[in-house]
Amino acid sequence: MRSLGMSPTIAELKKYFKEKGGQLAFSDFLDVMHAHSKVEKLPTEVLAAFRANDPKKTGLISAKDLRHILLNWGEKLSVKEVDHIFHEANVGPNGQVRYEDFVKIACAPVPDYY
């Protein structure tokens, strides 16, 4: 799914497999992809969350605040995962992050070899 541009969570993947009895035939996979494509609007949703918490409309968030959010909210990431994302997005530990650029990088499909 990731190689086709989707970003399902681990919980979503487990749900799909559970619904199909632990195995997916290709036709099942197509059904799952179709259903998931209707609900996934991740970049739009993430940008909306950033904008809602940006009262001055600067388009920026501090690296410290972003790290805190990624480590403690929603589907929490590990320190190693956050460090990897920051490295890929060229985010310094004390800098400001343009959240639109960050979302483009963070929501990009993950290569299968990770």
N, C-alpha and C. Protein backbone atom coordinates (compact mmCIF):
# COMPACT_ATOMS: atom_id res chain seq x y z
N MET A 1 0.83 -1.19 0.00
CA MET A 1 0.00 0.00 0.00
C MET A 1 0.87 1.25 0.00
N ARG A 2 1.97 1.20 0.75
CA ARG A 2 2.84 2.37 0.81
C ARG A 2 3.50 2.64 -0.54
N SER A 3 3.87 1.60 -1.24
CA SER A 3 4.51 1.82 -2.53
C SER A 3 3.52 2.37 -3.55
N LEU A 4 2.24 2.32 -3.25
CA LEU A 4 1.21 2.88 -4.12
C LEU A 4 0.70 4.24 -3.62
N GLY A 5 1.43 4.82 -2.65
CA GLY A 5 1.11 6.17 -2.20
C GLY A 5 0.20 6.27 -0.99
N MET A 6 -0.17 5.16 -0.38
CA MET A 6 -1.01 5.18 0.81
C MET A 6 -0.13 5.18 2.05
N SER A 7 -0.70 5.64 3.15
CA SER A 7 0.03 5.64 4.42
C SER A 7 -0.83 5.06 5.53
N PRO A 8 -1.19 3.78 5.42
CA PRO A 8 -2.02 3.19 6.46
C PRO A 8 -1.24 3.04 7.76
N THR A 9 -1.94 3.17 8.88
CA THR A 9 -1.31 2.92 10.17
C THR A 9 -1.22 1.42 10.40
N ILE A 10 -0.42 1.03 11.36
CA ILE A 10 -0.31 -0.38 11.72
C ILE A 10 -1.68 -0.91 12.16
N ALA A 11 -2.40 -0.10 12.93
CA ALA A 11 -3.74 -0.52 13.39
C ALA A 11 -4.68 -0.75 12.20
N GLU A 12 -4.61 0.11 11.20
CA GLU A 12 -5.46 -0.06 10.02
C GLU A 12 -5.10 -1.34 9.27
N LEU A 13 -3.81 -1.59 9.12
CA LEU A 13 -3.38 -2.82 8.44
C LEU A 13 -3.85 -4.06 9.18
N LYS A 14 -3.71 -4.05 10.49
CA LYS A 14 -4.18 -5.20 11.29
C LYS A 14 -5.67 -5.41 11.12
N LYS A 15 -6.42 -4.30 11.09
CA LYS A 15 -7.88 -4.38 10.90
C LYS A 15 -8.22 -5.01 9.55
N TYR A 16 -7.52 -4.58 8.50
CA TYR A 16 -7.79 -5.12 7.17
C TYR A 16 -7.52 -6.62 7.13
N PHE A 17 -6.41 -7.03 7.72
CA PHE A 17 -6.09 -8.47 7.73
C PHE A 17 -7.09 -9.25 8.56
N LYS A 18 -7.50 -8.69 9.69
CA LYS A 18 -8.48 -9.37 10.54
C LYS A 18 -9.81 -9.56 9.80
N GLU A 19 -10.22 -8.51 9.09
CA GLU A 19 -11.48 -8.58 8.33
C GLU A 19 -11.43 -9.67 7.25
N LYS A 20 -10.24 -9.95 6.75
CA LYS A 20 -10.09 -10.94 5.66
C LYS A 20 -9.56 -12.27 6.17
N GLY A 21 -9.62 -12.50 7.47
CA GLY A 21 -9.22 -13.79 8.02
C GLY A 21 -7.71 -14.01 8.04
N GLY A 22 -6.93 -12.93 8.03
CA GLY A 22 -5.48 -13.06 8.14
C GLY A 22 -4.74 -13.18 6.82
N GLN A 23 -5.47 -13.31 5.72
CA GLN A 23 -4.84 -13.41 4.40
C GLN A 23 -5.60 -12.55 3.40
N LEU A 24 -4.85 -12.00 2.46
CA LEU A 24 -5.47 -11.19 1.42
C LEU A 24 -5.15 -11.77 0.05
N ALA A 25 -6.19 -12.11 -0.68
CA ALA A 25 -6.01 -12.44 -2.09
C ALA A 25 -5.89 -11.10 -2.82
N PHE A 26 -5.45 -11.13 -4.07
CA PHE A 26 -5.28 -9.89 -4.80
C PHE A 26 -6.60 -9.12 -4.90
N SER A 27 -7.69 -9.82 -5.10
CA SER A 27 -8.99 -9.13 -5.18
C SER A 27 -9.34 -8.47 -3.84
N ASP A 28 -8.98 -9.12 -2.72
CA ASP A 28 -9.19 -8.52 -1.40
C ASP A 28 -8.33 -7.26 -1.25
N PHE A 29 -7.09 -7.34 -1.72
CA PHE A 29 -6.19 -6.20 -1.66
C PHE A 29 -6.77 -5.02 -2.43
N LEU A 30 -7.32 -5.27 -3.60
CA LEU A 30 -7.93 -4.20 -4.39
C LEU A 30 -9.11 -3.58 -3.65
N ASP A 31 -9.92 -4.41 -2.98
CA ASP A 31 -11.03 -3.90 -2.19
C ASP A 31 -10.53 -3.01 -1.04
N VAL A 32 -9.47 -3.46 -0.37
CA VAL A 32 -8.89 -2.70 0.74
C VAL A 32 -8.34 -1.37 0.23
N MET A 33 -7.62 -1.40 -0.88
CA MET A 33 -7.06 -0.18 -1.45
C MET A 33 -8.17 0.81 -1.81
N HIS A 34 -9.22 0.30 -2.40
CA HIS A 34 -10.34 1.17 -2.78
C HIS A 34 -10.96 1.81 -1.54
N ALA A 35 -11.23 1.02 -0.53
CA ALA A 35 -11.84 1.53 0.71
C ALA A 35 -10.91 2.53 1.39
N HIS A 36 -9.62 2.19 1.45
CA HIS A 36 -8.67 3.06 2.15
C HIS A 36 -8.48 4.38 1.41
N SER A 37 -8.52 4.35 0.09
CA SER A 37 -8.32 5.58 -0.68
C SER A 37 -9.44 6.59 -0.43
N LYS A 38 -10.62 6.11 -0.04
CA LYS A 38 -11.74 7.00 0.24
C LYS A 38 -11.59 7.71 1.58
N VAL A 39 -10.91 7.09 2.53
CA VAL A 39 -10.81 7.66 3.88
C VAL A 39 -9.51 8.40 4.13
N GLU A 40 -8.47 8.11 3.36
CA GLU A 40 -7.17 8.70 3.64
C GLU A 40 -7.02 10.07 3.02
N LYS A 41 -6.91 11.04 3.88
CA LYS A 41 -6.64 12.42 3.46
C LYS A 41 -5.59 12.97 4.41
N LEU A 42 -4.58 12.18 4.68
CA LEU A 42 -3.61 12.48 5.72
C LEU A 42 -2.94 13.84 5.57
N PRO A 43 -2.32 14.18 4.44
CA PRO A 43 -1.66 15.49 4.37
C PRO A 43 -2.61 16.65 4.66
N THR A 44 -3.81 16.59 4.14
CA THR A 44 -4.80 17.64 4.35
C THR A 44 -5.18 17.75 5.82
N GLU A 45 -5.37 16.60 6.47
CA GLU A 45 -5.74 16.59 7.88
C GLU A 45 -4.62 17.11 8.77
N VAL A 46 -3.40 16.73 8.46
CA VAL A 46 -2.25 17.16 9.26
C VAL A 46 -2.05 18.67 9.10
N LEU A 47 -2.13 19.17 7.88
CA LEU A 47 -2.00 20.61 7.66
C LEU A 47 -3.09 21.39 8.39
N ALA A 48 -4.30 20.89 8.37
CA ALA A 48 -5.40 21.55 9.08
C ALA A 48 -5.12 21.62 10.57
N ALA A 49 -4.54 20.55 11.13
CA ALA A 49 -4.20 20.55 12.56
C ALA A 49 -3.11 21.58 12.87
N PHE A 50 -2.09 21.65 12.03
CA PHE A 50 -1.04 22.65 12.22
C PHE A 50 -1.63 24.06 12.14
N ARG A 51 -2.44 24.30 11.12
CA ARG A 51 -3.01 25.64 10.93
C ARG A 51 -3.91 26.04 12.09
N ALA A 52 -4.65 25.08 12.64
CA ALA A 52 -5.53 25.37 13.77
C ALA A 52 -4.74 25.78 15.01
N ASN A 53 -3.50 25.35 15.09
CA ASN A 53 -2.66 25.69 16.25
C ASN A 53 -1.62 26.75 15.90
N ASP A 54 -1.90 27.54 14.89
CA ASP A 54 -0.99 28.60 14.45
C ASP A 54 -1.79 29.90 14.41
N PRO A 55 -2.08 30.47 15.59
CA PRO A 55 -2.95 31.66 15.62
C PRO A 55 -2.39 32.87 14.87
N LYS A 56 -1.08 32.98 14.76
CA LYS A 56 -0.47 34.11 14.06
C LYS A 56 -0.31 33.84 12.56
N LYS A 57 -0.65 32.63 12.15
CA LYS A 57 -0.56 32.23 10.73
C LYS A 57 0.84 32.42 10.16
N THR A 58 1.85 32.01 10.93
CA THR A 58 3.24 32.15 10.49
C THR A 58 3.67 31.02 9.58
N GLY A 59 3.00 29.87 9.68
CA GLY A 59 3.41 28.70 8.90
C GLY A 59 4.58 27.97 9.52
N LEU A 60 4.92 28.33 10.77
CA LEU A 60 6.09 27.75 11.44
C LEU A 60 5.69 27.10 12.76
N ILE A 61 6.49 26.10 13.15
CA ILE A 61 6.39 25.47 14.46
C ILE A 61 7.82 25.22 14.92
N SER A 62 8.07 25.37 16.21
CA SER A 62 9.43 25.14 16.69
C SER A 62 9.72 23.64 16.64
N ALA A 63 10.98 23.30 16.41
CA ALA A 63 11.39 21.89 16.37
C ALA A 63 11.08 21.22 17.70
N LYS A 64 11.27 21.95 18.79
CA LYS A 64 10.98 21.42 20.13
C LYS A 64 9.51 21.03 20.26
N ASP A 65 8.61 21.92 19.82
CA ASP A 65 7.17 21.63 19.90
C ASP A 65 6.78 20.48 18.98
N LEU A 66 7.36 20.45 17.79
CA LEU A 66 7.06 19.38 16.85
C LEU A 66 7.51 18.03 17.41
N ARG A 67 8.70 18.00 18.00
CA ARG A 67 9.20 16.77 18.61
C ARG A 67 8.25 16.30 19.70
N HIS A 68 7.81 17.22 20.54
CA HIS A 68 6.88 16.88 21.63
C HIS A 68 5.58 16.28 21.08
N ILE A 69 5.04 16.89 20.04
CA ILE A 69 3.80 16.39 19.43
C ILE A 69 3.99 14.98 18.88
N LEU A 70 5.07 14.77 18.14
CA LEU A 70 5.31 13.46 17.52
C LEU A 70 5.56 12.36 18.55
N LEU A 71 6.14 12.72 19.68
CA LEU A 71 6.45 11.74 20.72
C LEU A 71 5.28 11.45 21.64
N ASN A 72 4.31 12.39 21.74
CA ASN A 72 3.31 12.27 22.79
C ASN A 72 1.86 12.28 22.36
N TRP A 73 1.56 12.63 21.12
CA TRP A 73 0.16 12.73 20.69
C TRP A 73 -0.18 11.66 19.67
N GLY A 74 -1.43 11.26 19.67
CA GLY A 74 -1.93 10.32 18.65
C GLY A 74 -1.17 9.02 18.64
N GLU A 75 -0.85 8.54 17.45
CA GLU A 75 -0.07 7.32 17.30
C GLU A 75 1.40 7.71 17.53
N LYS A 76 1.83 7.58 18.79
CA LYS A 76 3.13 8.09 19.23
C LYS A 76 4.28 7.42 18.48
N LEU A 77 5.26 8.23 18.13
CA LEU A 77 6.47 7.74 17.48
C LEU A 77 7.56 7.54 18.53
N SER A 78 8.53 6.71 18.20
CA SER A 78 9.67 6.52 19.09
C SER A 78 10.67 7.66 18.85
N VAL A 79 11.60 7.83 19.79
CA VAL A 79 12.64 8.84 19.64
C VAL A 79 13.43 8.58 18.36
N LYS A 80 13.71 7.31 18.09
CA LYS A 80 14.46 6.94 16.88
C LYS A 80 13.69 7.34 15.61
N GLU A 81 12.39 7.11 15.60
CA GLU A 81 11.57 7.47 14.44
C GLU A 81 11.54 8.99 14.23
N VAL A 82 11.40 9.74 15.32
CA VAL A 82 11.38 11.20 15.22
C VAL A 82 12.74 11.71 14.74
N ASP A 83 13.81 11.15 15.29
CA ASP A 83 15.16 11.55 14.85
C ASP A 83 15.33 11.29 13.35
N HIS A 84 14.82 10.15 12.88
CA HIS A 84 14.93 9.81 11.46
C HIS A 84 14.13 10.81 10.60
N ILE A 85 12.93 11.13 11.03
CA ILE A 85 12.09 12.08 10.29
C ILE A 85 12.77 13.46 10.26
N PHE A 86 13.29 13.89 11.40
CA PHE A 86 13.96 15.19 11.46
C PHE A 86 15.18 15.20 10.55
N HIS A 87 15.90 14.10 10.52
CA HIS A 87 17.08 14.01 9.65
C HIS A 87 16.66 14.13 8.18
N GLU A 88 15.64 13.36 7.79
CA GLU A 88 15.16 13.38 6.41
C GLU A 88 14.63 14.76 6.00
N ALA A 89 14.03 15.47 6.97
CA ALA A 89 13.43 16.77 6.68
C ALA A 89 14.39 17.93 6.96
N ASN A 90 15.64 17.61 7.31
CA ASN A 90 16.65 18.64 7.62
C ASN A 90 16.17 19.60 8.71
N VAL A 91 15.62 19.03 9.79
CA VAL A 91 15.14 19.83 10.91
C VAL A 91 16.22 19.84 11.99
N GLY A 92 16.67 21.02 12.34
CA GLY A 92 17.64 21.16 13.43
C GLY A 92 16.93 21.10 14.77
N PRO A 93 17.64 20.76 15.85
CA PRO A 93 17.01 20.59 17.15
C PRO A 93 16.44 21.88 17.74
N ASN A 94 16.95 23.04 17.36
CA ASN A 94 16.50 24.30 17.94
C ASN A 94 15.89 25.25 16.91
N GLY A 95 15.61 24.74 15.73
CA GLY A 95 15.13 25.59 14.66
C GLY A 95 13.63 25.71 14.58
N GLN A 96 13.21 26.43 13.56
CA GLN A 96 11.80 26.56 13.22
C GLN A 96 11.53 25.70 11.99
N VAL A 97 10.36 25.12 11.95
CA VAL A 97 10.00 24.21 10.86
C VAL A 97 8.81 24.80 10.11
N ARG A 98 8.94 24.91 8.79
CA ARG A 98 7.79 25.28 7.96
C ARG A 98 6.93 24.02 7.87
N TYR A 99 5.77 24.06 8.51
CA TYR A 99 5.00 22.83 8.62
C TYR A 99 4.45 22.33 7.29
N GLU A 100 4.21 23.19 6.32
CA GLU A 100 3.75 22.70 5.01
C GLU A 100 4.83 21.85 4.35
N ASP A 101 6.10 22.30 4.43
CA ASP A 101 7.21 21.52 3.87
C ASP A 101 7.39 20.22 4.64
N PHE A 102 7.26 20.31 5.97
CA PHE A 102 7.41 19.12 6.80
C PHE A 102 6.35 18.08 6.46
N VAL A 103 5.12 18.50 6.27
CA VAL A 103 4.02 17.57 5.97
C VAL A 103 4.28 16.88 4.63
N LYS A 104 4.79 17.60 3.65
CA LYS A 104 5.09 16.99 2.35
C LYS A 104 6.11 15.85 2.50
N ILE A 105 7.12 16.09 3.33
CA ILE A 105 8.15 15.08 3.54
C ILE A 105 7.63 13.94 4.41
N ALA A 106 6.98 14.29 5.52
CA ALA A 106 6.54 13.27 6.47
C ALA A 106 5.41 12.39 5.92
N CYS A 107 4.59 12.92 5.05
CA CYS A 107 3.47 12.15 4.51
C CYS A 107 3.77 11.49 3.17
N ALA A 108 4.99 11.64 2.70
CA ALA A 108 5.37 10.97 1.46
C ALA A 108 5.38 9.46 1.69
N PRO A 109 5.06 8.68 0.67
CA PRO A 109 5.07 7.22 0.84
C PRO A 109 6.44 6.73 1.30
N VAL A 110 6.41 5.76 2.19
CA VAL A 110 7.64 5.16 2.71
C VAL A 110 8.09 4.08 1.74
N PRO A 111 9.36 4.12 1.32
CA PRO A 111 9.86 3.05 0.43
C PRO A 111 9.71 1.69 1.12
N ASP A 112 9.48 0.66 0.33
CA ASP A 112 9.27 -0.69 0.87
C ASP A 112 10.48 -1.24 1.59
N TYR A 113 11.68 -0.74 1.30
CA TYR A 113 12.87 -1.32 1.90
C TYR A 113 13.14 -0.82 3.31
N TYR A 114 12.32 0.09 3.88
CA TYR A 114 12.52 0.54 5.25
C TYR A 114 12.04 -0.51 6.20
